[in-house]
Amino acid sequence: MIRAPPKFIYIRWVGFLSSLLPAIAFGILTIWGSGFFGLVYTIASFLPLLLISYYLDLILFRLPLPQRLKHPYLRVSLSWLIAFPVSRIVVTELILITIWNTTTLPVATVQQAITLILLMMLLGFAYGTFFYSAYITIFRIYVKRKIKKGQVPFSLEES
């Protein structure tokens, strides 16, 4: 059984960097394949995700379901399960309609809309899994470097 860490410490710039990695990879692929529209689509898709990842600690402690869970992986993944579809449907589509006068989510029936939302929730959970893995990896590198320099990171002193 996987035991939860004693306390989940969230450093905002590490969370931002954890979302910036897939944004860069996605940007390279879409710009290479689509040119300028790929750049606009990448910015529209990942700008809300970058903002959410920067303030994820506030989201984690405001949602009632993730607050009850002990392991931070489940809390983070379930938070992204909710935040990813909201950012994709609301923010990204508004940006694309405003800037490019187009939408990328054609939905004809209610059943297709429900299927689309469920698939986005699944994608959000997968994104949350990647985000948590990347966050823990970057966080460990950060802590090891601070300890090697003889410093204890400020947020670790309080815990």
N, C-alpha and C. Protein backbone atom coordinates (compact mmCIF):
# COMPACT_ATOMS: atom_id res chain seq x y z
N MET A 1 0.84 -1.18 0.00
CA MET A 1 0.00 0.00 0.00
C MET A 1 0.89 1.24 0.00
N ILE A 2 0.47 2.23 -0.75
CA ILE A 2 1.24 3.47 -0.84
C ILE A 2 0.85 4.38 0.31
N ARG A 3 1.83 4.79 1.07
CA ARG A 3 1.59 5.65 2.22
C ARG A 3 1.73 7.11 1.80
N ALA A 4 0.84 7.94 2.26
CA ALA A 4 0.87 9.36 1.92
C ALA A 4 2.00 10.06 2.65
N PRO A 5 2.61 11.06 2.02
CA PRO A 5 3.61 11.85 2.73
C PRO A 5 2.96 12.57 3.90
N PRO A 6 3.76 12.95 4.91
CA PRO A 6 3.17 13.59 6.08
C PRO A 6 2.49 14.92 5.76
N LYS A 7 3.05 15.68 4.83
CA LYS A 7 2.45 16.96 4.46
C LYS A 7 2.83 17.27 3.02
N PHE A 8 1.84 17.68 2.24
CA PHE A 8 2.09 18.05 0.85
C PHE A 8 2.46 19.53 0.80
N ILE A 9 3.66 19.81 0.38
CA ILE A 9 4.15 21.18 0.29
C ILE A 9 4.07 21.60 -1.17
N TYR A 10 3.36 22.69 -1.43
CA TYR A 10 3.20 23.16 -2.80
C TYR A 10 3.96 24.47 -2.97
N ILE A 11 4.91 24.44 -3.89
CA ILE A 11 5.66 25.64 -4.25
C ILE A 11 5.16 26.06 -5.62
N ARG A 12 4.68 27.27 -5.73
CA ARG A 12 3.98 27.71 -6.93
C ARG A 12 4.84 27.68 -8.18
N TRP A 13 6.09 28.11 -8.09
CA TRP A 13 6.91 28.15 -9.30
C TRP A 13 7.24 26.73 -9.78
N VAL A 14 7.31 25.77 -8.86
CA VAL A 14 7.54 24.38 -9.26
C VAL A 14 6.29 23.85 -9.96
N GLY A 15 5.11 24.19 -9.47
CA GLY A 15 3.87 23.80 -10.14
C GLY A 15 3.75 24.42 -11.51
N PHE A 16 4.14 25.68 -11.64
CA PHE A 16 4.12 26.36 -12.93
C PHE A 16 5.06 25.67 -13.91
N LEU A 17 6.25 25.33 -13.43
CA LEU A 17 7.23 24.65 -14.27
C LEU A 17 6.74 23.26 -14.68
N SER A 18 6.00 22.60 -13.80
CA SER A 18 5.46 21.27 -14.11
C SER A 18 4.44 21.33 -15.24
N SER A 19 3.72 22.43 -15.37
CA SER A 19 2.79 22.59 -16.49
C SER A 19 3.47 23.20 -17.70
N LEU A 20 4.57 23.87 -17.50
CA LEU A 20 5.27 24.47 -18.63
C LEU A 20 5.95 23.41 -19.51
N LEU A 21 6.37 22.30 -18.92
CA LEU A 21 7.02 21.24 -19.69
C LEU A 21 6.12 20.66 -20.78
N PRO A 22 4.88 20.24 -20.47
CA PRO A 22 4.03 19.76 -21.57
C PRO A 22 3.61 20.87 -22.52
N ALA A 23 3.54 22.11 -22.02
CA ALA A 23 3.19 23.23 -22.90
C ALA A 23 4.26 23.43 -23.96
N ILE A 24 5.51 23.33 -23.58
CA ILE A 24 6.61 23.49 -24.54
C ILE A 24 6.59 22.35 -25.56
N ALA A 25 6.41 21.13 -25.08
CA ALA A 25 6.37 19.98 -26.00
C ALA A 25 5.18 20.08 -26.96
N PHE A 26 4.02 20.43 -26.44
CA PHE A 26 2.83 20.58 -27.28
C PHE A 26 3.02 21.74 -28.26
N GLY A 27 3.63 22.82 -27.80
CA GLY A 27 3.88 23.97 -28.66
C GLY A 27 4.79 23.63 -29.82
N ILE A 28 5.84 22.89 -29.56
CA ILE A 28 6.76 22.50 -30.63
C ILE A 28 6.03 21.67 -31.68
N LEU A 29 5.22 20.71 -31.22
CA LEU A 29 4.50 19.86 -32.17
C LEU A 29 3.45 20.63 -32.97
N THR A 30 2.68 21.50 -32.33
CA THR A 30 1.63 22.20 -33.05
C THR A 30 2.17 23.31 -33.93
N ILE A 31 3.22 23.99 -33.50
CA ILE A 31 3.80 25.04 -34.33
C ILE A 31 4.46 24.42 -35.55
N TRP A 32 5.10 23.30 -35.36
CA TRP A 32 5.75 22.60 -36.46
C TRP A 32 4.72 22.14 -37.50
N GLY A 33 3.57 21.67 -37.02
CA GLY A 33 2.55 21.17 -37.94
C GLY A 33 1.58 22.21 -38.46
N SER A 34 1.29 23.26 -37.69
CA SER A 34 0.23 24.19 -38.07
C SER A 34 0.68 25.64 -38.23
N GLY A 35 1.88 25.96 -37.91
CA GLY A 35 2.36 27.33 -38.08
C GLY A 35 1.79 28.28 -37.05
N PHE A 36 1.28 29.42 -37.53
CA PHE A 36 0.81 30.47 -36.62
C PHE A 36 -0.42 30.04 -35.83
N PHE A 37 -1.35 29.30 -36.46
CA PHE A 37 -2.51 28.82 -35.73
C PHE A 37 -2.08 27.88 -34.60
N GLY A 38 -1.03 27.10 -34.83
CA GLY A 38 -0.50 26.23 -33.77
C GLY A 38 -0.01 27.02 -32.58
N LEU A 39 0.63 28.15 -32.85
CA LEU A 39 1.09 29.02 -31.76
C LEU A 39 -0.09 29.59 -30.99
N VAL A 40 -1.09 30.09 -31.70
CA VAL A 40 -2.29 30.65 -31.04
C VAL A 40 -3.01 29.56 -30.26
N TYR A 41 -3.13 28.38 -30.83
CA TYR A 41 -3.81 27.27 -30.17
C TYR A 41 -3.05 26.83 -28.91
N THR A 42 -1.72 26.79 -28.99
CA THR A 42 -0.92 26.41 -27.83
C THR A 42 -1.07 27.42 -26.71
N ILE A 43 -1.01 28.69 -27.04
CA ILE A 43 -1.16 29.74 -26.02
C ILE A 43 -2.56 29.69 -25.42
N ALA A 44 -3.58 29.55 -26.27
CA ALA A 44 -4.95 29.48 -25.77
C ALA A 44 -5.20 28.24 -24.93
N SER A 45 -4.56 27.14 -25.26
CA SER A 45 -4.77 25.90 -24.51
C SER A 45 -4.03 25.88 -23.18
N PHE A 46 -2.81 26.38 -23.17
CA PHE A 46 -1.99 26.21 -21.97
C PHE A 46 -1.94 27.44 -21.06
N LEU A 47 -2.37 28.59 -21.52
CA LEU A 47 -2.40 29.75 -20.63
C LEU A 47 -3.28 29.52 -19.41
N PRO A 48 -4.53 29.02 -19.58
CA PRO A 48 -5.31 28.75 -18.37
C PRO A 48 -4.72 27.63 -17.52
N LEU A 49 -4.11 26.62 -18.16
CA LEU A 49 -3.51 25.54 -17.38
C LEU A 49 -2.31 26.03 -16.58
N LEU A 50 -1.54 26.93 -17.15
CA LEU A 50 -0.40 27.51 -16.42
C LEU A 50 -0.87 28.34 -15.24
N LEU A 51 -1.92 29.11 -15.43
CA LEU A 51 -2.46 29.90 -14.32
C LEU A 51 -3.04 29.00 -13.23
N ILE A 52 -3.76 27.96 -13.64
CA ILE A 52 -4.31 27.03 -12.64
C ILE A 52 -3.18 26.33 -11.89
N SER A 53 -2.14 25.93 -12.60
CA SER A 53 -1.04 25.22 -11.92
C SER A 53 -0.30 26.14 -10.97
N TYR A 54 -0.26 27.44 -11.27
CA TYR A 54 0.41 28.37 -10.35
C TYR A 54 -0.39 28.52 -9.05
N TYR A 55 -1.70 28.52 -9.17
CA TYR A 55 -2.56 28.69 -7.98
C TYR A 55 -3.24 27.39 -7.57
N LEU A 56 -2.64 26.25 -7.88
CA LEU A 56 -3.25 24.97 -7.57
C LEU A 56 -3.41 24.74 -6.07
N ASP A 57 -2.53 25.30 -5.26
CA ASP A 57 -2.65 25.12 -3.82
C ASP A 57 -3.96 25.73 -3.30
N LEU A 58 -4.39 26.84 -3.88
CA LEU A 58 -5.67 27.42 -3.48
C LEU A 58 -6.83 26.55 -3.92
N ILE A 59 -6.72 25.97 -5.10
CA ILE A 59 -7.78 25.09 -5.60
C ILE A 59 -7.85 23.81 -4.77
N LEU A 60 -6.68 23.26 -4.41
CA LEU A 60 -6.65 22.01 -3.65
C LEU A 60 -7.40 22.11 -2.33
N PHE A 61 -7.29 23.25 -1.67
CA PHE A 61 -7.88 23.37 -0.35
C PHE A 61 -9.28 23.97 -0.38
N ARG A 62 -9.79 24.33 -1.56
CA ARG A 62 -11.15 24.86 -1.67
C ARG A 62 -12.15 23.80 -2.12
N LEU A 63 -11.68 22.78 -2.83
CA LEU A 63 -12.58 21.74 -3.30
C LEU A 63 -12.87 20.76 -2.16
N PRO A 64 -14.14 20.45 -1.92
CA PRO A 64 -14.47 19.60 -0.78
C PRO A 64 -14.01 18.15 -0.92
N LEU A 65 -14.09 17.57 -2.11
CA LEU A 65 -13.71 16.16 -2.27
C LEU A 65 -12.22 15.92 -2.09
N PRO A 66 -11.34 16.66 -2.77
CA PRO A 66 -9.92 16.40 -2.57
C PRO A 66 -9.43 16.68 -1.15
N GLN A 67 -10.12 17.53 -0.41
CA GLN A 67 -9.70 17.86 0.96
C GLN A 67 -9.78 16.63 1.87
N ARG A 68 -10.72 15.73 1.61
CA ARG A 68 -10.89 14.56 2.46
C ARG A 68 -9.88 13.46 2.17
N LEU A 69 -9.29 13.48 1.02
CA LEU A 69 -8.34 12.44 0.64
C LEU A 69 -7.01 12.66 1.31
N LYS A 70 -6.33 11.58 1.66
CA LYS A 70 -5.06 11.68 2.37
C LYS A 70 -3.86 11.80 1.43
N HIS A 71 -3.84 11.00 0.37
CA HIS A 71 -2.67 11.00 -0.49
C HIS A 71 -2.73 12.17 -1.46
N PRO A 72 -1.63 12.94 -1.56
CA PRO A 72 -1.64 14.12 -2.43
C PRO A 72 -1.80 13.80 -3.91
N TYR A 73 -1.37 12.60 -4.33
CA TYR A 73 -1.56 12.24 -5.74
C TYR A 73 -3.04 12.27 -6.11
N LEU A 74 -3.87 11.67 -5.29
CA LEU A 74 -5.31 11.66 -5.58
C LEU A 74 -5.90 13.06 -5.50
N ARG A 75 -5.46 13.86 -4.54
CA ARG A 75 -5.97 15.23 -4.42
C ARG A 75 -5.61 16.05 -5.65
N VAL A 76 -4.37 15.93 -6.11
CA VAL A 76 -3.93 16.70 -7.27
C VAL A 76 -4.63 16.20 -8.53
N SER A 77 -4.69 14.90 -8.72
CA SER A 77 -5.30 14.35 -9.94
C SER A 77 -6.80 14.66 -10.01
N LEU A 78 -7.48 14.56 -8.88
CA LEU A 78 -8.91 14.89 -8.89
C LEU A 78 -9.15 16.38 -9.05
N SER A 79 -8.23 17.20 -8.57
CA SER A 79 -8.35 18.64 -8.80
C SER A 79 -8.21 18.95 -10.28
N TRP A 80 -7.27 18.29 -10.95
CA TRP A 80 -7.12 18.48 -12.40
C TRP A 80 -8.28 17.87 -13.16
N LEU A 81 -8.89 16.81 -12.63
CA LEU A 81 -10.06 16.22 -13.26
C LEU A 81 -11.18 17.25 -13.37
N ILE A 82 -11.27 18.15 -12.41
CA ILE A 82 -12.28 19.21 -12.43
C ILE A 82 -11.77 20.44 -13.17
N ALA A 83 -10.53 20.82 -12.93
CA ALA A 83 -10.02 22.08 -13.48
C ALA A 83 -9.73 22.00 -14.98
N PHE A 84 -9.30 20.85 -15.48
CA PHE A 84 -8.94 20.74 -16.89
C PHE A 84 -10.12 20.98 -17.82
N PRO A 85 -11.26 20.29 -17.63
CA PRO A 85 -12.39 20.57 -18.53
C PRO A 85 -12.91 21.99 -18.43
N VAL A 86 -12.91 22.54 -17.22
CA VAL A 86 -13.38 23.92 -17.06
C VAL A 86 -12.48 24.88 -17.83
N SER A 87 -11.17 24.71 -17.69
CA SER A 87 -10.26 25.61 -18.41
C SER A 87 -10.35 25.40 -19.91
N ARG A 88 -10.53 24.17 -20.33
CA ARG A 88 -10.57 23.88 -21.77
C ARG A 88 -11.86 24.39 -22.41
N ILE A 89 -12.99 24.12 -21.78
CA ILE A 89 -14.27 24.49 -22.38
C ILE A 89 -14.54 25.98 -22.23
N VAL A 90 -14.32 26.51 -21.06
CA VAL A 90 -14.67 27.91 -20.81
C VAL A 90 -13.60 28.86 -21.32
N VAL A 91 -12.40 28.75 -20.83
CA VAL A 91 -11.38 29.75 -21.12
C VAL A 91 -10.78 29.59 -22.51
N THR A 92 -10.34 28.39 -22.86
CA THR A 92 -9.68 28.19 -24.16
C THR A 92 -10.63 28.50 -25.31
N GLU A 93 -11.85 28.04 -25.23
CA GLU A 93 -12.80 28.31 -26.32
C GLU A 93 -13.12 29.79 -26.42
N LEU A 94 -13.22 30.49 -25.30
CA LEU A 94 -13.45 31.94 -25.35
C LEU A 94 -12.28 32.67 -26.00
N ILE A 95 -11.07 32.24 -25.68
CA ILE A 95 -9.88 32.87 -26.28
C ILE A 95 -9.87 32.61 -27.78
N LEU A 96 -10.12 31.37 -28.20
CA LEU A 96 -10.11 31.05 -29.62
C LEU A 96 -11.23 31.76 -30.39
N ILE A 97 -12.40 31.88 -29.79
CA ILE A 97 -13.50 32.59 -30.46
C ILE A 97 -13.17 34.07 -30.57
N THR A 98 -12.57 34.64 -29.55
CA THR A 98 -12.24 36.06 -29.56
C THR A 98 -11.11 36.37 -30.54
N ILE A 99 -10.03 35.62 -30.48
CA ILE A 99 -8.86 35.92 -31.30
C ILE A 99 -9.02 35.41 -32.73
N TRP A 100 -9.42 34.15 -32.88
CA TRP A 100 -9.38 33.50 -34.19
C TRP A 100 -10.76 33.38 -34.83
N ASN A 101 -11.81 33.67 -34.09
CA ASN A 101 -13.19 33.57 -34.56
C ASN A 101 -13.53 32.15 -35.00
N THR A 102 -13.04 31.19 -34.22
CA THR A 102 -13.33 29.79 -34.51
C THR A 102 -13.43 29.02 -33.19
N THR A 103 -13.98 27.84 -33.26
CA THR A 103 -14.05 26.96 -32.09
C THR A 103 -13.47 25.61 -32.48
N THR A 104 -12.97 24.89 -31.51
CA THR A 104 -12.39 23.58 -31.78
C THR A 104 -13.23 22.46 -31.21
N LEU A 105 -14.36 22.78 -30.60
CA LEU A 105 -15.21 21.76 -29.99
C LEU A 105 -16.59 21.74 -30.64
N PRO A 106 -16.70 21.14 -31.82
CA PRO A 106 -18.03 21.06 -32.44
C PRO A 106 -18.87 19.98 -31.76
N VAL A 107 -20.02 20.34 -31.25
CA VAL A 107 -20.90 19.40 -30.57
C VAL A 107 -22.28 19.53 -31.19
N ALA A 108 -22.84 18.41 -31.63
CA ALA A 108 -24.14 18.44 -32.30
C ALA A 108 -25.27 18.02 -31.37
N THR A 109 -25.03 17.03 -30.51
CA THR A 109 -26.10 16.52 -29.66
C THR A 109 -25.68 16.58 -28.20
N VAL A 110 -26.65 16.39 -27.34
CA VAL A 110 -26.38 16.38 -25.90
C VAL A 110 -25.50 15.19 -25.53
N GLN A 111 -25.73 14.06 -26.15
CA GLN A 111 -24.93 12.87 -25.85
C GLN A 111 -23.46 13.09 -26.24
N GLN A 112 -23.24 13.75 -27.36
CA GLN A 112 -21.86 14.07 -27.76
C GLN A 112 -21.22 15.04 -26.77
N ALA A 113 -21.99 15.98 -26.26
CA ALA A 113 -21.46 16.93 -25.28
C ALA A 113 -21.09 16.23 -23.99
N ILE A 114 -21.93 15.32 -23.54
CA ILE A 114 -21.64 14.56 -22.31
C ILE A 114 -20.40 13.69 -22.52
N THR A 115 -20.32 13.03 -23.67
CA THR A 115 -19.15 12.20 -23.97
C THR A 115 -17.89 13.05 -24.01
N LEU A 116 -17.98 14.23 -24.61
CA LEU A 116 -16.83 15.14 -24.68
C LEU A 116 -16.38 15.57 -23.29
N ILE A 117 -17.31 15.90 -22.42
CA ILE A 117 -16.97 16.31 -21.06
C ILE A 117 -16.34 15.15 -20.29
N LEU A 118 -16.89 13.95 -20.44
CA LEU A 118 -16.32 12.78 -19.76
C LEU A 118 -14.91 12.48 -20.26
N LEU A 119 -14.69 12.61 -21.56
CA LEU A 119 -13.35 12.39 -22.10
C LEU A 119 -12.37 13.47 -21.62
N MET A 120 -12.85 14.70 -21.50
CA MET A 120 -11.99 15.76 -20.97
C MET A 120 -11.68 15.53 -19.50
N MET A 121 -12.61 14.98 -18.76
CA MET A 121 -12.34 14.65 -17.37
C MET A 121 -11.28 13.55 -17.28
N LEU A 122 -11.36 12.56 -18.16
CA LEU A 122 -10.34 11.51 -18.21
C LEU A 122 -8.99 12.11 -18.59
N LEU A 123 -8.98 12.99 -19.57
CA LEU A 123 -7.74 13.67 -19.96
C LEU A 123 -7.22 14.54 -18.81
N GLY A 124 -8.13 15.17 -18.07
CA GLY A 124 -7.72 15.96 -16.91
C GLY A 124 -7.09 15.11 -15.83
N PHE A 125 -7.63 13.91 -15.60
CA PHE A 125 -7.03 13.01 -14.62
C PHE A 125 -5.64 12.56 -15.08
N ALA A 126 -5.51 12.28 -16.38
CA ALA A 126 -4.19 11.91 -16.93
C ALA A 126 -3.22 13.08 -16.83
N TYR A 127 -3.70 14.28 -17.10
CA TYR A 127 -2.85 15.46 -16.98
C TYR A 127 -2.43 15.66 -15.52
N GLY A 128 -3.35 15.41 -14.60
CA GLY A 128 -3.04 15.52 -13.18
C GLY A 128 -2.01 14.51 -12.73
N THR A 129 -2.07 13.31 -13.29
CA THR A 129 -1.08 12.28 -12.99
C THR A 129 0.30 12.72 -13.47
N PHE A 130 0.37 13.22 -14.70
CA PHE A 130 1.65 13.72 -15.21
C PHE A 130 2.12 14.91 -14.39
N PHE A 131 1.21 15.81 -14.08
CA PHE A 131 1.56 17.00 -13.31
C PHE A 131 2.16 16.62 -11.96
N TYR A 132 1.51 15.67 -11.27
CA TYR A 132 2.01 15.26 -9.95
C TYR A 132 3.39 14.62 -10.07
N SER A 133 3.58 13.76 -11.08
CA SER A 133 4.89 13.12 -11.27
C SER A 133 5.97 14.15 -11.56
N ALA A 134 5.67 15.09 -12.45
CA ALA A 134 6.63 16.13 -12.78
C ALA A 134 6.89 17.03 -11.57
N TYR A 135 5.84 17.36 -10.81
CA TYR A 135 6.00 18.22 -9.64
C TYR A 135 6.90 17.56 -8.60
N ILE A 136 6.65 16.30 -8.29
CA ILE A 136 7.45 15.61 -7.28
C ILE A 136 8.90 15.50 -7.73
N THR A 137 9.14 15.23 -9.01
CA THR A 137 10.51 15.13 -9.52
C THR A 137 11.24 16.46 -9.41
N ILE A 138 10.61 17.54 -9.86
CA ILE A 138 11.23 18.87 -9.79
C ILE A 138 11.40 19.30 -8.33
N PHE A 139 10.41 18.98 -7.48
CA PHE A 139 10.49 19.34 -6.07
C PHE A 139 11.66 18.63 -5.38
N ARG A 140 11.86 17.37 -5.69
CA ARG A 140 12.98 16.62 -5.10
C ARG A 140 14.32 17.18 -5.54
N ILE A 141 14.44 17.55 -6.81
CA ILE A 141 15.68 18.18 -7.30
C ILE A 141 15.92 19.49 -6.57
N TYR A 142 14.87 20.28 -6.39
CA TYR A 142 14.97 21.57 -5.68
C TYR A 142 15.42 21.37 -4.24
N VAL A 143 14.83 20.41 -3.54
CA VAL A 143 15.18 20.17 -2.14
C VAL A 143 16.61 19.64 -2.03
N LYS A 144 17.00 18.73 -2.91
CA LYS A 144 18.37 18.20 -2.86
C LYS A 144 19.40 19.29 -3.09
N ARG A 145 19.14 20.18 -4.02
CA ARG A 145 20.08 21.28 -4.26
C ARG A 145 20.16 22.24 -3.07
N LYS A 146 19.02 22.52 -2.46
CA LYS A 146 19.03 23.39 -1.28
C LYS A 146 19.78 22.74 -0.12
N ILE A 147 19.57 21.45 0.08
CA ILE A 147 20.25 20.75 1.17
C ILE A 147 21.74 20.65 0.89
N LYS A 148 22.11 20.44 -0.38
CA LYS A 148 23.52 20.37 -0.75
C LYS A 148 24.23 21.70 -0.48
N LYS A 149 23.50 22.81 -0.63
CA LYS A 149 24.07 24.14 -0.36
C LYS A 149 24.06 24.46 1.13
N GLY A 150 23.43 23.61 1.92
CA GLY A 150 23.37 23.84 3.36
C GLY A 150 22.19 24.68 3.79
N GLN A 151 21.24 24.86 2.90
CA GLN A 151 20.05 25.65 3.21
C GLN A 151 18.84 24.74 3.30
N VAL A 152 17.92 25.12 4.14
CA VAL A 152 16.64 24.42 4.19
C VAL A 152 15.63 25.34 3.53
N PRO A 153 14.92 24.85 2.52
CA PRO A 153 13.93 25.71 1.86
C PRO A 153 12.95 26.28 2.87
N PHE A 154 12.55 27.53 2.67
CA PHE A 154 11.69 28.24 3.61
C PHE A 154 10.39 27.50 3.90
N SER A 155 9.75 26.96 2.88
CA SER A 155 8.47 26.29 3.10
C SER A 155 8.63 24.96 3.84
N LEU A 156 9.84 24.40 3.87
CA LEU A 156 10.06 23.16 4.60
C LEU A 156 10.36 23.42 6.09
N GLU A 157 10.79 24.62 6.41
CA GLU A 157 11.08 24.93 7.80
C GLU A 157 9.81 24.96 8.64
N GLU A 158 8.68 25.35 8.02
CA GLU A 158 7.44 25.48 8.77
C GLU A 158 6.78 24.14 9.05
N SER A 159 7.05 23.13 8.23
CA SER A 159 6.36 21.85 8.40
C SER A 159 6.98 20.98 9.46
